[in-house]
Amino acid sequence: MQGEERYMTLNVELKKRNSIQTSQLKCQDCSVVLHRYKIFLGLSGAVNGILALTLISLTLLAMCPSEWLKYQEKCYWFSNEMKSWNDSYGYCLGRKSHLLIIQDQLEMAFIQKTLKQSNYVWIGLNFTSLKKTWTWVDDSPLDPKIFFIKGPAEENSCAALKENRIYSETCSSVFKWICQY
């Protein structure tokens, strides 16, 4: 009988220990799962934050600043004051943009419709004496099949837009200008 008592006591104590150890293991497992869950939540929050910032950035990039007009994928700013071609060029650069580069006749039509005036306006085209060609401010050459320059092509010549034509003018002349980005 004593052996049975000891067995039962020992067996009960073992079951208690196992029960305590099992519950401790379960709690340890819970803390590991909880820790992993917290890491997951943190990572998903960070990913969501990055996605939200990306969406906001793309939305802002798709819009033009105030006082700028959007047409297709570009933003345009039309000056009200007059400067030389070089000063106009510098003005645009200071605003993280450049003088207007006209890609095609559709863009030319948009510019003409927006200007609604008959005064000269500087664009980002000048005659480079090194290359002996009309070159846009992004260093691309003028395609003479798309645009014809009226006037002499010589050193110190810059392009100005008037109505639906591009004219060769002395770069030191003062006109309004158009920036774009």
Protein backbone atom coordinates (compact mmCIF):
# COMPACT_ATOMS: atom_id res chain seq x y z
CA MET A 1 0.00 0.00 0.00
CA GLN A 2 2.79 2.34 0.80
CA GLY A 3 4.28 1.69 -2.61
CA GLU A 4 0.99 2.53 -4.20
CA GLU A 5 0.72 5.73 -2.16
CA ARG A 6 4.18 6.78 -3.13
CA TYR A 7 3.39 5.93 -6.74
CA MET A 8 0.20 7.96 -6.64
CA THR A 9 1.89 10.87 -4.87
CA LEU A 10 4.80 10.75 -7.27
CA ASN A 11 2.43 10.36 -10.20
CA VAL A 12 0.31 13.33 -9.04
CA GLU A 13 3.43 15.45 -8.52
CA LEU A 14 4.72 14.47 -11.97
CA LYS A 15 1.36 15.37 -13.51
CA LYS A 16 1.43 18.73 -11.66
CA ARG A 17 4.98 19.40 -12.88
CA ASN A 18 4.09 18.37 -16.41
CA SER A 19 1.00 20.55 -16.25
CA ILE A 20 3.04 23.52 -14.99
CA GLN A 21 5.77 22.89 -17.60
CA THR A 22 3.15 22.54 -20.36
CA SER A 23 1.47 25.77 -19.37
CA GLN A 24 4.88 27.47 -19.19
CA LEU A 25 5.69 26.10 -22.63
CA LYS A 26 2.35 27.31 -23.93
CA CYS A 27 3.04 30.75 -22.49
CA GLN A 28 6.52 30.72 -24.00
CA ASP A 29 4.98 29.67 -27.32
CA CYS A 30 2.44 32.48 -26.88
CA SER A 31 5.17 35.03 -26.29
CA VAL A 32 7.07 33.81 -29.38
CA VAL A 33 3.90 33.98 -31.48
CA LEU A 34 3.04 37.37 -29.98
CA HIS A 35 6.57 38.64 -30.71
CA ARG A 36 6.33 37.41 -34.32
CA TYR A 37 2.90 38.98 -34.65
CA LYS A 38 4.25 42.32 -33.42
CA ILE A 39 7.10 42.11 -35.96
CA PHE A 40 4.60 41.30 -38.72
CA LEU A 41 2.40 44.24 -37.73
CA GLY A 42 5.40 46.56 -37.68
CA LEU A 43 6.56 45.43 -41.12
CA SER A 44 3.10 45.65 -42.63
CA GLY A 45 2.70 49.14 -41.16
CA ALA A 46 6.03 50.18 -42.66
CA VAL A 47 5.07 48.74 -46.06
CA ASN A 48 1.71 50.52 -45.93
CA GLY A 49 3.46 53.77 -45.03
CA ILE A 50 5.85 53.42 -47.95
CA LEU A 51 2.97 52.65 -50.31
CA ALA A 52 1.04 55.68 -49.07
CA LEU A 53 4.07 57.98 -49.53
CA THR A 54 4.65 56.57 -53.01
CA LEU A 55 1.04 57.21 -53.96
CA ILE A 56 1.22 60.78 -52.62
CA SER A 57 4.49 61.39 -54.49
CA LEU A 58 3.09 60.07 -57.75
CA THR A 59 0.01 62.22 -57.33
CA LEU A 60 2.12 65.32 -56.70
CA LEU A 61 4.42 64.54 -59.61
CA ALA A 62 1.44 64.22 -61.93
CA MET A 63 0.32 67.73 -60.97
CA CYS A 64 1.93 71.00 -61.87
CA PRO A 65 2.74 73.73 -59.34
CA SER A 66 0.36 76.67 -59.11
CA GLU A 67 0.73 79.12 -61.99
CA TRP A 68 1.96 76.28 -64.25
CA LEU A 69 -0.20 74.71 -66.95
CA LYS A 70 -0.29 70.98 -67.60
CA TYR A 71 -0.47 69.57 -71.11
CA GLN A 72 0.06 65.87 -71.71
CA GLU A 73 3.06 64.93 -69.52
CA LYS A 74 4.60 68.41 -69.26
CA CYS A 75 4.13 71.50 -67.12
CA TYR A 76 4.50 74.99 -68.64
CA TRP A 77 5.10 78.41 -67.13
CA PHE A 78 4.58 81.57 -69.21
CA SER A 79 6.47 84.70 -68.15
CA ASN A 80 4.97 88.16 -67.92
CA GLU A 81 8.26 90.02 -67.88
CA MET A 82 10.96 90.29 -70.54
CA LYS A 83 14.55 89.06 -70.47
CA SER A 84 17.33 88.06 -72.86
CA TRP A 85 17.51 84.44 -73.96
CA ASN A 86 20.39 83.69 -71.55
CA ASP A 87 18.60 85.34 -68.61
CA SER A 88 15.40 83.46 -69.50
CA TYR A 89 17.38 80.22 -69.67
CA GLY A 90 18.88 80.92 -66.24
CA TYR A 91 15.48 81.78 -64.80
CA CYS A 92 14.06 78.42 -65.87
CA LEU A 93 17.08 76.53 -64.55
CA GLY A 94 16.63 78.27 -61.20
CA ARG A 95 13.12 76.78 -61.05
CA LYS A 96 14.30 73.25 -61.85
CA SER A 97 12.97 73.49 -65.40
CA HIS A 98 14.25 74.60 -68.80
CA LEU A 99 13.17 76.75 -71.71
CA LEU A 100 10.45 75.22 -73.84
CA ILE A 101 11.34 72.28 -76.09
CA ILE A 102 8.62 71.74 -78.68
CA GLN A 103 8.26 68.07 -79.60
CA ASP A 104 5.63 68.20 -82.33
CA GLN A 105 2.89 70.21 -84.06
CA LEU A 106 0.29 69.26 -81.40
CA GLU A 107 2.41 70.82 -78.70
CA MET A 108 3.00 73.86 -80.93
CA ALA A 109 -0.79 74.22 -81.34
CA PHE A 110 -1.26 74.05 -77.55
CA ILE A 111 1.38 76.75 -77.02
CA GLN A 112 -0.18 79.00 -79.67
CA LYS A 113 -3.65 78.57 -78.21
CA THR A 114 -2.35 79.37 -74.72
CA LEU A 115 -0.30 82.43 -75.77
CA LYS A 116 -3.12 84.23 -77.59
CA GLN A 117 -0.71 87.03 -78.51
CA SER A 118 1.47 88.14 -81.35
CA ASN A 119 4.64 89.02 -79.36
CA TYR A 120 7.88 87.06 -79.56
CA VAL A 121 8.50 84.44 -76.83
CA TRP A 122 11.84 82.74 -76.16
CA ILE A 123 11.97 78.97 -76.50
CA GLY A 124 14.80 76.54 -75.69
CA LEU A 125 16.45 76.55 -79.09
CA ASN A 126 19.65 78.29 -80.13
CA PHE A 127 22.24 78.15 -82.88
CA THR A 128 25.46 76.62 -81.60
CA SER A 129 28.59 77.78 -83.38
CA LEU A 130 30.47 74.58 -82.51
CA LYS A 131 27.96 72.25 -84.15
CA LYS A 132 26.75 74.84 -86.68
CA THR A 133 23.18 73.67 -86.07
CA TRP A 134 20.05 74.67 -84.21
CA THR A 135 20.07 72.76 -80.94
CA TRP A 136 17.47 72.43 -78.16
CA VAL A 137 18.56 73.06 -74.58
CA ASP A 138 18.58 69.28 -73.95
CA ASP A 139 21.29 69.02 -76.69
CA SER A 140 18.96 67.38 -79.20
CA PRO A 141 19.12 68.77 -82.75
CA LEU A 142 16.18 70.55 -84.35
CA ASP A 143 14.35 68.37 -86.87
CA PRO A 144 13.98 70.67 -89.91
CA LYS A 145 11.18 68.42 -91.21
CA ILE A 146 9.03 69.42 -88.24
CA PHE A 147 10.03 73.08 -87.74
CA PHE A 148 11.47 75.69 -90.03
CA ILE A 149 13.44 78.63 -88.56
CA LYS A 150 12.80 81.92 -90.30
CA GLY A 151 15.88 84.16 -90.34
CA PRO A 152 19.66 83.69 -90.35
CA ALA A 153 21.34 80.76 -88.63
CA GLU A 154 24.45 82.40 -87.22
CA GLU A 155 26.41 82.76 -84.02
CA ASN A 156 24.44 84.45 -81.21
CA SER A 157 21.10 83.43 -82.71
CA CYS A 158 18.34 82.16 -80.47
CA ALA A 159 14.83 81.03 -81.34
CA ALA A 160 11.69 82.96 -80.52
CA LEU A 161 8.15 81.86 -81.18
CA LYS A 162 5.62 84.23 -82.71
CA GLU A 163 2.17 83.04 -83.73
CA ASN A 164 2.80 79.72 -85.47
CA ARG A 165 6.38 80.38 -86.60
CA ILE A 166 9.85 80.13 -85.08
CA TYR A 167 12.19 83.05 -85.78
CA SER A 168 15.93 83.50 -85.46
CA GLU A 169 16.63 86.48 -83.20
CA THR A 170 19.68 87.97 -81.53
CA CYS A 171 20.04 86.27 -78.12
CA SER A 172 20.49 89.64 -76.37
CA SER A 173 17.00 90.80 -77.44
CA VAL A 174 14.45 90.86 -74.64
CA PHE A 175 11.23 88.89 -74.89
CA LYS A 176 8.91 86.94 -72.68
CA TRP A 177 9.72 83.21 -72.35
CA ILE A 178 8.24 79.80 -71.55
CA CYS A 179 9.68 77.35 -69.03
CA GLN A 180 8.74 73.70 -68.99
CA TYR A 181 9.48 70.50 -67.11
